[in-house]
Structure formats: C-alpha cells, structure tokens
Amino acid sequence: MNVKNSELSCKDIIWNTKIKLPYVLLIVLLSLVFLAAGQYTLFKSQNPTPPAVVVQSDDCPPPPTVRYRMNEYQFTHPLLLVDRFIESKDMMSLKNEVALMLEQKKQAGIIDAGSVYLRDMTSTDWMCVQPEEEFNPGSLIKVPIMMTYLREAEINPGLLNKKLSLDARRQVPRQTYEGDRILPGKSYSIRELLYYMVVKSDNYATLLLNENVNIPVFKKLFVDLGLPEPDVHDPDFHITSVNYSKFMRVLYNASYVNNENAEYALSLLVQSDFNEGIVKQLPPDIKVARKFGEWGNSKDSNNHQLHESGIVYINKNPYLITIMTKGRHVLPLPQAVSDISKLVYDRMSVKQPKS
C-alpha cells in the first residue's frame, strides 16, 4: 500500500465524502459548545457555590412556645412556666464544649451516659446535651416533695409545725454521700424534717415525709408542669434533665408556691452540705441553691447514677444547671459533675446580662 496515497488531508476527506458546508459548520459549533461546557465545569469545581442563606424577616412569627398553668381554680389559671422549644444560638458554642467533655469522660470510662441542661434565668436562652436521656432521679425527687408540703401549708396554716416521729425499727436505703440524720423515736416538726431531707439529704426524714405527703397534690404538681403523673409505688421512675429542671424554675419564679415559701425552699437548697459536685470548683462566695441525687441498682453493682441540679447566683446573671450521669462506679461521678459545672461557670460568669 502506498503510504503517501493513504495520508489524506482533511480537505481531501471532506471533498471525497462530499460533506457539505452546513455540516462542517455544525461540527465546529458542537465542538465549541463541548469545550465551553468543560471549562465551566472546571471553574465550578474550583469555585463551589456557597450554601444558600435563609434570611428571616422581622415579621416572622416567634418560635413555638408552650405555657404551663394551674387548673385548680374556677376563674383563674395561674401561669407556672413558659417554655420556648428552640435552643439559643448564643449557647451553641458552649453546648459543643459540654458535649465534647461528656464524650471525653465516656471514652475514659468515667461515665456511661450523661445529660446537661442549662438555662439563663435572666432570659429565655437555654440548651441541653442529650435531652432525651432518662435517669432515675434518686434524692432529686425530694425537691417536689418539699414543694408539695409548702403548697399544702399555704392552704393549711400550721402544717409545718405538725410533729412526726420515726419508729426505731424502720430501715431505709443507705447512700454513699450521707449527712446528719434524725434520731428514731424522737419527734420532729415537718419544718425540721424538710431541713434534714433537703440540706442533709436524710432518707429517714424523707421516709416520714413520704408517708404523710398529700399524694394527689404531689401528682398534680407533675401534671401541671406537663410531666407524666408519677407512680409513687414504682421504684423505677425516670425523668430527663429538661423535665426535672422545671421544678427548680418554678421555685425561682415563685409561681407554684408564694414568694415567702419559694424563698424558704431556695434558702434550704443553698445550705445543702453536698460539696463534691456543682460547687466544688466554684468560688466559695458564690451562692448555689442545689440538690443532688444518687441512685444504685441493687441487682447490678455496675449501674450507678449521680445527679445535681442547682441555680448558680453570679452577679446579675443567675443560671440553672442540671447535670445527670450514669456510670459503672459511683465515686468518679461527682468529679464529672464538678468539671462540667466549672466549664459552664467559666463561660457564664463573663456573659453580659440581656437587657
């Protein structure tokens, strides 16, 4: 074969195949289109389009809220709480820090699970890490018991002076962290028993108060706050950090009991002698109205829980923090609570109150 004859020019091919001029123009045009498309694709890969920004106008409706009211009166329905469902954007950075600390403590084997609720008491700002996690409240339940007695005392004056005594044969579960307790056979007023129950977390005083509490009023407190009615005979009762915090919030607002009784309840909580959790790494002059709770599974020695909820009074910007933890060993849990409390305090103490 003659190579020279086989090497045909483009002009020869077009001429020999009798391709007409319009077809040649079409081929050139398509080539230019494909070249332009390739260049655009390369440009987009190097300069990606930024995500769309949703701009919310000022006339948008506010975030959804729910209001909790008392419903025991005919003409009035006193407001207990207003909940805003959306967490504060201003707290997202702190939320991430708390979540990271919880994860680090899980990885270290200090806790198996944890939840932290934080609320700025001067605004509607709040956040929660692991809000769906449920815990057995342990001695935290002593706060709604106290609130039930104070509510009843407003209706029945003199109730707090009523005397009760404990049979010496009665036994109660022991705690890892115990303070002073009442003496069996000795009479104590309900006011004195409230002190031992809240300040000392005494289970003997709690036993007496539990046996004499107005159960319907106790249950109604939960229902009024949008919580399931508790089964007082169920030892496996559970609650979230978000829901437990409601009890502390209504005390701070004095919206369930009157101002004097709310002040009295918080003054007892400030005297709590459990100093291994929320207050351990805080400045000693900071007042904290707090209650801790401990729970252990008698059938599983590796299942322990320790929680604490408190209102930290710093400057003019108090905040509420509820920390709940689970772990295989109870002794490391207070330090986990303390470390989280310190992290939150360091951030909240420099925050400027909202006007």
Protein backbone atom coordinates (compact mmCIF):
# COMPACT_ATOMS: atom_id res chain seq x y z
CA MET A 1 0.00 0.00 0.00
CA ASN A 2 1.30 3.46 -0.91
CA VAL A 3 1.51 5.34 2.41
CA LYS A 4 1.66 8.62 0.57
CA ASN A 5 -1.70 7.94 -1.02
CA SER A 6 -3.23 6.83 2.28
CA GLU A 7 -2.37 10.02 4.16
CA LEU A 8 -5.34 12.13 3.06
CA SER A 9 -5.75 15.69 4.22
CA CYS A 10 -8.89 16.97 5.97
CA LYS A 11 -9.74 18.78 2.75
CA ASP A 12 -9.44 15.51 0.78
CA ILE A 13 -11.74 13.69 3.27
CA ILE A 14 -14.38 16.40 3.13
CA TRP A 15 -14.16 16.51 -0.65
CA ASN A 16 -14.12 12.72 -1.15
CA THR A 17 -17.06 12.09 1.22
CA LYS A 18 -18.83 15.01 -0.33
CA ILE A 19 -19.66 16.60 3.07
CA LYS A 20 -21.48 19.81 2.51
CA LEU A 21 -20.51 23.12 4.16
CA PRO A 22 -23.53 23.33 6.59
CA TYR A 23 -22.49 20.04 8.19
CA VAL A 24 -18.95 21.27 8.66
CA LEU A 25 -20.26 24.37 10.45
CA LEU A 26 -22.45 22.20 12.70
CA ILE A 27 -19.48 20.06 13.73
CA VAL A 28 -17.40 23.15 14.55
CA LEU A 29 -20.28 24.66 16.58
CA LEU A 30 -20.76 21.47 18.63
CA SER A 31 -17.01 21.33 19.32
CA LEU A 32 -17.12 24.86 20.69
CA VAL A 33 -20.14 24.02 22.92
CA PHE A 34 -18.41 20.97 24.44
CA LEU A 35 -15.23 22.99 25.02
CA ALA A 36 -17.16 25.74 26.82
CA ALA A 37 -19.02 23.18 28.98
CA GLY A 38 -15.75 21.60 30.04
CA GLN A 39 -14.28 24.96 31.02
CA TYR A 40 -17.39 25.84 33.07
CA THR A 41 -17.28 22.50 34.92
CA LEU A 42 -13.62 23.06 35.79
CA PHE A 43 -14.39 26.56 37.08
CA LYS A 44 -17.29 25.34 39.28
CA SER A 45 -15.17 22.60 40.83
CA GLN A 46 -12.58 25.17 41.85
CA ASN A 47 -15.14 27.80 42.94
CA PRO A 48 -18.09 25.97 44.57
CA THR A 49 -21.32 27.87 45.10
CA PRO A 50 -21.72 28.96 48.76
CA PRO A 51 -24.72 27.49 50.62
CA ALA A 52 -27.93 29.44 50.45
CA VAL A 53 -28.55 31.74 53.43
CA VAL A 54 -32.09 31.82 54.76
CA VAL A 55 -32.91 35.35 55.83
CA GLN A 56 -35.67 35.56 58.39
CA SER A 57 -37.63 38.77 58.25
CA ASP A 58 -38.59 40.64 61.37
CA ASP A 59 -42.28 39.92 60.85
CA CYS A 60 -41.85 36.13 61.12
CA PRO A 61 -43.81 34.54 64.00
CA PRO A 62 -41.81 33.86 67.20
CA PRO A 63 -40.58 30.33 67.95
CA PRO A 64 -43.28 27.96 69.23
CA THR A 65 -43.88 28.09 72.96
CA VAL A 66 -45.98 26.20 75.49
CA ARG A 67 -47.45 27.60 78.69
CA TYR A 68 -48.00 25.54 81.83
CA ARG A 69 -50.80 26.71 84.12
CA MET A 70 -52.51 25.62 87.32
CA ASN A 71 -56.03 24.41 86.69
CA GLU A 72 -57.44 24.00 90.19
CA TYR A 73 -59.39 27.26 90.30
CA GLN A 74 -62.64 28.24 88.63
CA PHE A 75 -61.81 31.70 87.32
CA THR A 76 -58.01 31.94 87.37
CA HIS A 77 -55.33 29.76 85.82
CA PRO A 78 -52.02 30.95 87.29
CA LEU A 79 -49.07 30.74 84.92
CA LEU A 80 -46.29 28.41 86.11
CA LEU A 81 -43.86 28.34 83.19
CA VAL A 82 -43.41 29.38 79.61
CA ASP A 83 -41.23 27.06 77.52
CA ARG A 84 -39.59 28.09 74.27
CA PHE A 85 -38.82 24.98 72.23
CA ILE A 86 -35.87 26.32 70.25
CA GLU A 87 -32.44 26.30 71.88
CA SER A 88 -30.48 29.55 71.95
CA LYS A 89 -27.99 30.10 69.13
CA ASP A 90 -25.86 32.08 71.59
CA MET A 91 -25.34 28.90 73.62
CA MET A 92 -24.36 26.58 70.76
CA SER A 93 -20.63 27.08 71.27
CA LEU A 94 -20.92 26.22 74.96
CA LYS A 95 -23.18 23.29 74.14
CA ASN A 96 -20.49 21.87 71.87
CA GLU A 97 -17.89 22.25 74.62
CA VAL A 98 -20.11 20.45 77.15
CA ALA A 99 -20.91 17.69 74.65
CA LEU A 100 -17.19 17.22 73.98
CA MET A 101 -16.44 16.97 77.71
CA LEU A 102 -19.18 14.37 78.19
CA GLU A 103 -17.82 12.36 75.28
CA GLN A 104 -14.28 12.54 76.66
CA LYS A 105 -15.49 11.23 80.03
CA LYS A 106 -17.35 8.41 78.29
CA GLN A 107 -14.22 7.48 76.34
CA ALA A 108 -12.23 7.49 79.61
CA GLY A 109 -14.76 5.13 81.21
CA ILE A 110 -15.75 7.66 83.89
CA ILE A 111 -19.39 7.79 82.79
CA ASP A 112 -21.57 5.62 80.59
CA ALA A 113 -24.09 8.37 79.81
CA GLY A 114 -24.79 11.96 80.75
CA SER A 115 -27.12 14.86 80.14
CA VAL A 116 -26.73 18.58 80.86
CA TYR A 117 -29.46 21.23 80.86
CA LEU A 118 -28.52 24.90 81.11
CA ARG A 119 -30.79 27.93 81.30
CA ASP A 120 -30.03 31.64 81.65
CA MET A 121 -32.52 32.77 84.29
CA THR A 122 -32.49 36.36 83.02
CA SER A 123 -33.71 35.42 79.54
CA THR A 124 -35.28 32.60 77.54
CA ASP A 125 -31.87 31.25 76.47
CA TRP A 126 -31.32 27.55 77.11
CA MET A 127 -29.56 24.49 75.75
CA CYS A 128 -29.39 20.79 76.54
CA VAL A 129 -26.96 17.99 75.70
CA GLN A 130 -28.66 14.58 75.36
CA PRO A 131 -32.15 15.89 76.26
CA GLU A 132 -33.85 12.53 75.63
CA GLU A 133 -31.64 10.56 78.05
CA GLU A 134 -33.66 9.40 81.10
CA PHE A 135 -32.37 8.82 84.62
CA ASN A 136 -33.66 7.64 87.97
CA PRO A 137 -33.76 10.88 89.99
CA GLY A 138 -32.86 9.37 93.36
CA SER A 139 -32.85 12.11 96.02
CA LEU A 140 -33.65 14.79 93.45
CA ILE A 141 -37.28 13.80 94.00
CA LYS A 142 -37.04 15.38 97.45
CA VAL A 143 -37.48 18.83 95.90
CA PRO A 144 -41.03 18.22 94.57
CA ILE A 145 -41.86 16.56 97.92
CA MET A 146 -40.78 19.75 99.70
CA MET A 147 -42.78 21.84 97.24
CA THR A 148 -45.88 19.73 97.92
CA TYR A 149 -45.63 20.38 101.67
CA LEU A 150 -45.08 24.10 101.18
CA ARG A 151 -48.09 24.26 98.85
CA GLU A 152 -50.22 22.43 101.40
CA ALA A 153 -49.00 24.74 104.18
CA GLU A 154 -50.47 27.72 102.31
CA ILE A 155 -53.88 26.04 102.43
CA ASN A 156 -53.50 24.52 105.91
CA PRO A 157 -51.68 27.01 108.18
CA GLY A 158 -49.74 25.31 110.94
CA LEU A 159 -48.96 22.21 108.86
CA LEU A 160 -45.21 22.75 109.06
CA ASN A 161 -45.41 22.69 112.87
CA LYS A 162 -47.02 19.25 112.93
CA LYS A 163 -44.85 16.70 114.78
CA LEU A 164 -43.87 13.30 113.41
CA SER A 165 -41.61 10.55 114.77
CA LEU A 166 -39.89 7.54 113.24
CA ASP A 167 -40.22 4.00 114.54
CA ALA A 168 -36.77 2.76 115.56
CA ARG A 169 -37.37 -0.49 113.67
CA ARG A 170 -37.68 1.25 110.31
CA GLN A 171 -34.83 0.91 107.84
CA VAL A 172 -34.05 2.98 104.75
CA PRO A 173 -31.57 2.56 101.88
CA ARG A 174 -28.07 3.84 102.60
CA GLN A 175 -26.31 6.41 100.45
CA THR A 176 -22.67 6.87 99.53
CA TYR A 177 -22.92 10.56 100.42
CA GLU A 178 -24.78 10.98 103.72
CA GLY A 179 -25.08 13.81 106.20
CA ASP A 180 -26.64 14.03 109.66
CA ARG A 181 -29.95 12.26 110.15
CA ILE A 182 -32.89 12.30 112.51
CA LEU A 183 -33.00 10.01 115.53
CA PRO A 184 -35.58 7.21 115.64
CA GLY A 185 -38.21 7.68 118.32
CA LYS A 186 -37.71 11.44 118.60
CA SER A 187 -40.43 13.84 117.43
CA TYR A 188 -39.66 16.39 114.72
CA SER A 189 -41.79 19.10 113.16
CA ILE A 190 -42.39 18.89 109.40
CA ARG A 191 -40.32 22.08 109.07
CA GLU A 192 -37.40 20.32 110.78
CA LEU A 193 -37.87 17.24 108.64
CA LEU A 194 -37.76 19.37 105.48
CA TYR A 195 -34.41 20.72 106.65
CA TYR A 196 -32.97 17.25 107.18
CA MET A 197 -34.43 15.97 103.90
CA VAL A 198 -33.12 18.83 101.74
CA VAL A 199 -29.96 20.07 103.46
CA LYS A 200 -28.70 16.71 104.75
CA SER A 201 -30.48 14.52 102.17
CA ASP A 202 -31.56 12.32 105.10
CA ASN A 203 -33.57 9.31 103.93
CA TYR A 204 -35.06 8.75 107.40
CA ALA A 205 -36.62 12.23 107.35
CA THR A 206 -37.70 11.55 103.76
CA LEU A 207 -39.39 8.31 104.79
CA LEU A 208 -41.51 10.14 107.37
CA LEU A 209 -42.40 12.91 104.93
CA ASN A 210 -43.23 10.44 102.14
CA GLU A 211 -45.63 8.57 104.40
CA ASN A 212 -47.53 11.77 105.24
CA VAL A 213 -47.40 13.70 101.97
CA ASN A 214 -50.60 14.61 100.13
CA ILE A 215 -50.27 12.20 97.18
CA PRO A 216 -52.88 13.88 94.92
CA VAL A 217 -51.17 17.29 95.34
CA PHE A 218 -47.78 15.69 94.68
CA LYS A 219 -49.02 14.07 91.47
CA LYS A 220 -50.79 17.23 90.34
CA LEU A 221 -47.54 19.19 90.53
CA PHE A 222 -46.08 16.90 87.86
CA VAL A 223 -49.20 17.09 85.70
CA ASP A 224 -49.36 20.90 85.92
CA LEU A 225 -45.79 21.03 84.62
CA GLY A 226 -46.63 18.83 81.65
CA LEU A 227 -44.98 15.71 83.11
CA PRO A 228 -46.50 12.21 83.31
CA GLU A 229 -48.30 11.51 86.56
CA PRO A 230 -45.78 9.62 88.70
CA ASP A 231 -46.49 6.17 90.09
CA VAL A 232 -45.40 6.63 93.72
CA HIS A 233 -45.08 2.86 94.10
CA ASP A 234 -42.76 2.44 91.11
CA PRO A 235 -39.07 2.38 92.19
CA ASP A 236 -38.00 2.57 88.55
CA PHE A 237 -39.32 6.09 87.92
CA HIS A 238 -37.31 8.03 85.30
CA ILE A 239 -37.02 11.68 84.27
CA THR A 240 -34.93 13.82 81.89
CA SER A 241 -32.70 16.73 82.86
CA VAL A 242 -35.01 19.08 80.93
CA ASN A 243 -38.12 17.99 82.81
CA TYR A 244 -36.51 17.90 86.23
CA SER A 245 -35.30 21.46 85.78
CA LYS A 246 -38.91 22.62 85.72
CA PHE A 247 -39.15 22.18 89.50
CA MET A 248 -36.18 24.48 90.07
CA ARG A 249 -37.57 27.01 87.60
CA VAL A 250 -40.96 27.34 89.30
CA LEU A 251 -39.21 27.78 92.65
CA TYR A 252 -37.08 30.59 91.21
CA ASN A 253 -40.20 32.18 89.68
CA ALA A 254 -42.25 31.65 92.87
CA SER A 255 -45.04 30.58 90.54
CA TYR A 256 -46.11 27.39 92.35
CA VAL A 257 -45.76 28.46 95.98
CA ASN A 258 -45.87 32.04 97.27
CA ASN A 259 -42.84 34.30 97.48
CA GLU A 260 -42.10 33.54 101.12
CA ASN A 261 -42.23 29.77 100.69
CA ALA A 262 -40.22 29.85 97.46
CA GLU A 263 -37.56 31.93 99.24
CA TYR A 264 -37.61 29.47 102.15
CA ALA A 265 -37.22 26.46 99.82
CA LEU A 266 -34.30 28.03 97.96
CA SER A 267 -32.66 29.04 101.25
CA LEU A 268 -32.71 25.36 102.28
CA LEU A 269 -31.22 24.33 98.94
CA VAL A 270 -28.42 26.90 99.36
CA GLN A 271 -27.48 25.14 102.63
CA SER A 272 -27.00 21.72 101.01
CA ASP A 273 -23.97 20.03 102.56
CA PHE A 274 -23.07 18.10 99.40
CA ASN A 275 -19.99 19.93 98.16
CA GLU A 276 -18.46 17.42 95.74
CA GLY A 277 -20.43 18.38 92.64
CA ILE A 278 -21.59 21.72 91.24
CA VAL A 279 -19.92 23.92 93.87
CA LYS A 280 -16.61 22.06 94.27
CA GLN A 281 -14.59 24.18 91.81
CA LEU A 282 -16.65 27.38 92.07
CA PRO A 283 -15.53 30.41 94.13
CA PRO A 284 -16.61 29.88 97.77
CA ASP A 285 -18.60 33.12 97.86
CA ILE A 286 -20.95 32.02 95.07
CA LYS A 287 -24.40 31.01 96.32
CA VAL A 288 -25.90 27.91 94.71
CA ALA A 289 -29.38 26.58 95.50
CA ARG A 290 -28.84 22.90 94.71
CA LYS A 291 -29.92 19.32 95.30
CA PHE A 292 -28.03 16.16 94.45
CA GLY A 293 -29.44 12.72 93.84
CA GLU A 294 -27.82 9.29 93.99
CA TRP A 295 -29.23 6.01 92.74
CA GLY A 296 -27.90 2.47 92.52
CA ASN A 297 -29.34 -0.73 91.10
CA SER A 298 -29.42 -3.38 93.81
CA LYS A 299 -29.39 -6.08 91.10
CA ASP A 300 -26.47 -4.61 89.18
CA SER A 301 -23.46 -3.36 91.13
CA ASN A 302 -22.07 -1.73 87.97
CA ASN A 303 -25.08 0.54 87.46
CA HIS A 304 -24.80 3.82 89.39
CA GLN A 305 -26.21 7.29 88.88
CA LEU A 306 -25.41 10.65 90.41
CA HIS A 307 -27.03 13.96 89.52
CA GLU A 308 -27.21 17.53 90.73
CA SER A 309 -29.42 20.47 89.84
CA GLY A 310 -28.79 23.99 91.01
CA ILE A 311 -29.33 27.70 90.46
CA VAL A 312 -25.97 29.48 90.42
CA TYR A 313 -26.25 33.10 91.56
CA ILE A 314 -23.50 35.03 89.78
CA ASN A 315 -23.67 38.82 89.61
CA LYS A 316 -26.98 39.74 87.98
CA ASN A 317 -26.94 36.76 85.66
CA PRO A 318 -28.02 33.62 87.57
CA TYR A 319 -28.30 30.40 85.64
CA LEU A 320 -29.81 26.97 86.22
CA ILE A 321 -27.79 23.84 85.51
CA THR A 322 -28.90 20.24 85.83
CA ILE A 323 -26.27 17.52 85.34
CA MET A 324 -27.23 13.85 85.25
CA THR A 325 -24.72 10.99 84.98
CA LYS A 326 -24.59 7.19 84.83
CA GLY A 327 -21.52 5.03 85.37
CA ARG A 328 -20.14 1.69 86.50
CA HIS A 329 -18.67 3.26 89.65
CA VAL A 330 -20.28 5.98 91.78
CA LEU A 331 -17.13 7.59 93.21
CA PRO A 332 -15.88 9.23 89.94
CA LEU A 333 -19.30 10.68 89.09
CA PRO A 334 -19.20 13.76 91.40
CA GLN A 335 -15.93 14.85 89.77
CA ALA A 336 -17.58 14.63 86.34
CA VAL A 337 -20.39 16.85 87.63
CA SER A 338 -17.84 19.25 89.12
CA ASP A 339 -15.81 19.50 85.90
CA ILE A 340 -18.89 20.25 83.80
CA SER A 341 -20.06 22.83 86.36
CA LYS A 342 -16.66 24.58 86.24
CA LEU A 343 -16.68 24.70 82.44
CA VAL A 344 -20.15 26.26 82.39
CA TYR A 345 -19.33 28.70 85.20
CA ASP A 346 -16.23 29.96 83.39
CA ARG A 347 -18.33 30.77 80.32
CA MET A 348 -21.43 32.11 82.07
CA SER A 349 -19.55 34.31 84.54
CA VAL A 350 -18.26 36.54 81.73
CA LYS A 351 -21.59 36.72 79.93
CA GLN A 352 -23.31 40.09 79.97
CA PRO A 353 -26.93 40.04 81.17
CA LYS A 354 -29.51 40.77 78.49
CA SER A 355 -31.43 43.97 79.00
